[in-house]
Amino acid sequence: ISATNPELSGGKMPDAGRNMIHIAEIGAS
């Protein structure tokens, strides 16, 4: 899991950005 994981970043990004990263991480796993 990358350092930009929304759960670890404290939810600083808007939901759309968080969802994009989440989907990208699923694709990369």
PDB file of N, CA and C in Angstrom:
ATOM      1  N   ILE A   1       0.856  -1.198   0.000  1.00  0.00           N
ATOM      2  CA  ILE A   1       0.000   0.000   0.000  1.00  0.00           C
ATOM      3  C   ILE A   1       0.889   1.244   0.000  1.00  0.00           C
ATOM      4  N   SER A   2       0.556   2.193  -0.834  1.00  0.00           N
ATOM      5  CA  SER A   2       1.396   3.388  -0.971  1.00  0.00           C
ATOM      6  C   SER A   2       1.212   4.346   0.192  1.00  0.00           C
ATOM      7  N   ALA A   3       2.110   5.311   0.304  1.00  0.00           N
ATOM      8  CA  ALA A   3       2.073   6.299   1.378  1.00  0.00           C
ATOM      9  C   ALA A   3       0.879   7.238   1.241  1.00  0.00           C
ATOM     10  N   THR A   4       0.208   7.219   0.087  1.00  0.00           N
ATOM     11  CA  THR A   4      -0.940   8.095  -0.130  1.00  0.00           C
ATOM     12  C   THR A   4      -2.251   7.426   0.270  1.00  0.00           C
ATOM     13  N   ASN A   5      -2.158   6.284   0.932  1.00  0.00           N
ATOM     14  CA  ASN A   5      -3.348   5.585   1.407  1.00  0.00           C
ATOM     15  C   ASN A   5      -4.193   6.538   2.253  1.00  0.00           C
ATOM     16  N   PRO A   6      -5.457   6.789   1.869  1.00  0.00           N
ATOM     17  CA  PRO A   6      -6.279   7.772   2.585  1.00  0.00           C
ATOM     18  C   PRO A   6      -6.472   7.435   4.056  1.00  0.00           C
ATOM     19  N   GLU A   7      -6.495   6.153   4.393  1.00  0.00           N
ATOM     20  CA  GLU A   7      -6.653   5.763   5.794  1.00  0.00           C
ATOM     21  C   GLU A   7      -5.463   6.221   6.630  1.00  0.00           C
ATOM     22  N   LEU A   8      -4.270   6.273   6.002  1.00  0.00           N
ATOM     23  CA  LEU A   8      -3.068   6.652   6.733  1.00  0.00           C
ATOM     24  C   LEU A   8      -2.793   8.148   6.657  1.00  0.00           C
ATOM     25  N   SER A   9      -3.340   8.813   5.640  1.00  0.00           N
ATOM     26  CA  SER A   9      -3.058  10.238   5.446  1.00  0.00           C
ATOM     27  C   SER A   9      -3.990  11.112   6.273  1.00  0.00           C
ATOM     28  N   GLY A  10      -4.920  10.515   6.984  1.00  0.00           N
ATOM     29  CA  GLY A  10      -5.839  11.293   7.807  1.00  0.00           C
ATOM     30  C   GLY A  10      -7.000  11.877   7.021  1.00  0.00           C
ATOM     31  N   GLY A  11      -7.248  11.372   5.824  1.00  0.00           N
ATOM     32  CA  GLY A  11      -8.387  11.833   5.034  1.00  0.00           C
ATOM     33  C   GLY A  11      -8.280  13.292   4.632  1.00  0.00           C
ATOM     34  N   LYS A  12      -7.087  13.751   4.268  1.00  0.00           N
ATOM     35  CA  LYS A  12      -6.900  15.162   3.929  1.00  0.00           C
ATOM     36  C   LYS A  12      -7.440  15.488   2.534  1.00  0.00           C
ATOM     37  N   MET A  13      -7.632  14.483   1.708  1.00  0.00           N
ATOM     38  CA  MET A  13      -8.068  14.728   0.332  1.00  0.00           C
ATOM     39  C   MET A  13      -9.582  14.575   0.209  1.00  0.00           C
ATOM     40  N   PRO A  14     -10.178  15.233  -0.802  1.00  0.00           N
ATOM     41  CA  PRO A  14     -11.609  15.048  -1.063  1.00  0.00           C
ATOM     42  C   PRO A  14     -11.914  13.598  -1.429  1.00  0.00           C
ATOM     43  N   ASP A  15     -13.169  13.211  -1.275  1.00  0.00           N
ATOM     44  CA  ASP A  15     -13.550  11.820  -1.527  1.00  0.00           C
ATOM     45  C   ASP A  15     -13.172  11.354  -2.927  1.00  0.00           C
ATOM     46  N   ALA A  16     -13.339  12.221  -3.921  1.00  0.00           N
ATOM     47  CA  ALA A  16     -13.024  11.815  -5.292  1.00  0.00           C
ATOM     48  C   ALA A  16     -11.559  11.434  -5.414  1.00  0.00           C
ATOM     49  N   GLY A  17     -10.682  12.236  -4.837  1.00  0.00           N
ATOM     50  CA  GLY A  17      -9.253  11.932  -4.881  1.00  0.00           C
ATOM     51  C   GLY A  17      -8.933  10.668  -4.114  1.00  0.00           C
ATOM     52  N   ARG A  18      -9.595  10.484  -2.975  1.00  0.00           N
ATOM     53  CA  ARG A  18      -9.365   9.279  -2.182  1.00  0.00           C
ATOM     54  C   ARG A  18      -9.812   8.047  -2.950  1.00  0.00           C
ATOM     55  N   ASN A  19     -10.971   8.141  -3.597  1.00  0.00           N
ATOM     56  CA  ASN A  19     -11.472   7.005  -4.367  1.00  0.00           C
ATOM     57  C   ASN A  19     -10.542   6.671  -5.521  1.00  0.00           C
ATOM     58  N   MET A  20     -10.008   7.700  -6.174  1.00  0.00           N
ATOM     59  CA  MET A  20      -9.091   7.465  -7.301  1.00  0.00           C
ATOM     60  C   MET A  20      -7.853   6.716  -6.837  1.00  0.00           C
ATOM     61  N   ILE A  21      -7.299   7.134  -5.705  1.00  0.00           N
ATOM     62  CA  ILE A  21      -6.109   6.463  -5.173  1.00  0.00           C
ATOM     63  C   ILE A  21      -6.464   5.040  -4.756  1.00  0.00           C
ATOM     64  N   HIS A  22      -7.619   4.862  -4.138  1.00  0.00           N
ATOM     65  CA  HIS A  22      -8.038   3.533  -3.689  1.00  0.00           C
ATOM     66  C   HIS A  22      -8.151   2.582  -4.878  1.00  0.00           C
ATOM     67  N   ILE A  23      -8.772   3.038  -5.944  1.00  0.00           N
ATOM     68  CA  ILE A  23      -8.918   2.211  -7.142  1.00  0.00           C
ATOM     69  C   ILE A  23      -7.554   1.923  -7.757  1.00  0.00           C
ATOM     70  N   ALA A  24      -6.680   2.927  -7.763  1.00  0.00           N
ATOM     71  CA  ALA A  24      -5.336   2.728  -8.314  1.00  0.00           C
ATOM     72  C   ALA A  24      -4.575   1.689  -7.504  1.00  0.00           C
ATOM     73  N   GLU A  25      -4.735   1.711  -6.195  1.00  0.00           N
ATOM     74  CA  GLU A  25      -4.037   0.746  -5.345  1.00  0.00           C
ATOM     75  C   GLU A  25      -4.597  -0.659  -5.551  1.00  0.00           C
ATOM     76  N   ILE A  26      -5.908  -0.770  -5.724  1.00  0.00           N
ATOM     77  CA  ILE A  26      -6.498  -2.082  -6.002  1.00  0.00           C
ATOM     78  C   ILE A  26      -5.949  -2.621  -7.321  1.00  0.00           C
ATOM     79  N   GLY A  27      -5.866  -1.765  -8.321  1.00  0.00           N
ATOM     80  CA  GLY A  27      -5.353  -2.183  -9.620  1.00  0.00           C
ATOM     81  C   GLY A  27      -3.899  -2.611  -9.552  1.00  0.00           C
ATOM     82  N   ALA A  28      -3.146  -1.988  -8.652  1.00  0.00           N
ATOM     83  CA  ALA A  28      -1.716  -2.269  -8.562  1.00  0.00           C
ATOM     84  C   ALA A  28      -1.430  -3.495  -7.701  1.00  0.00           C
ATOM     85  N   SER A  29      -2.414  -3.927  -6.925  1.00  0.00           N
ATOM     86  CA  SER A  29      -2.152  -5.015  -5.982  1.00  0.00           C
ATOM     87  C   SER A  29      -2.158  -6.381  -6.653  1.00  0.00           C
TER      88      SER A  29
END
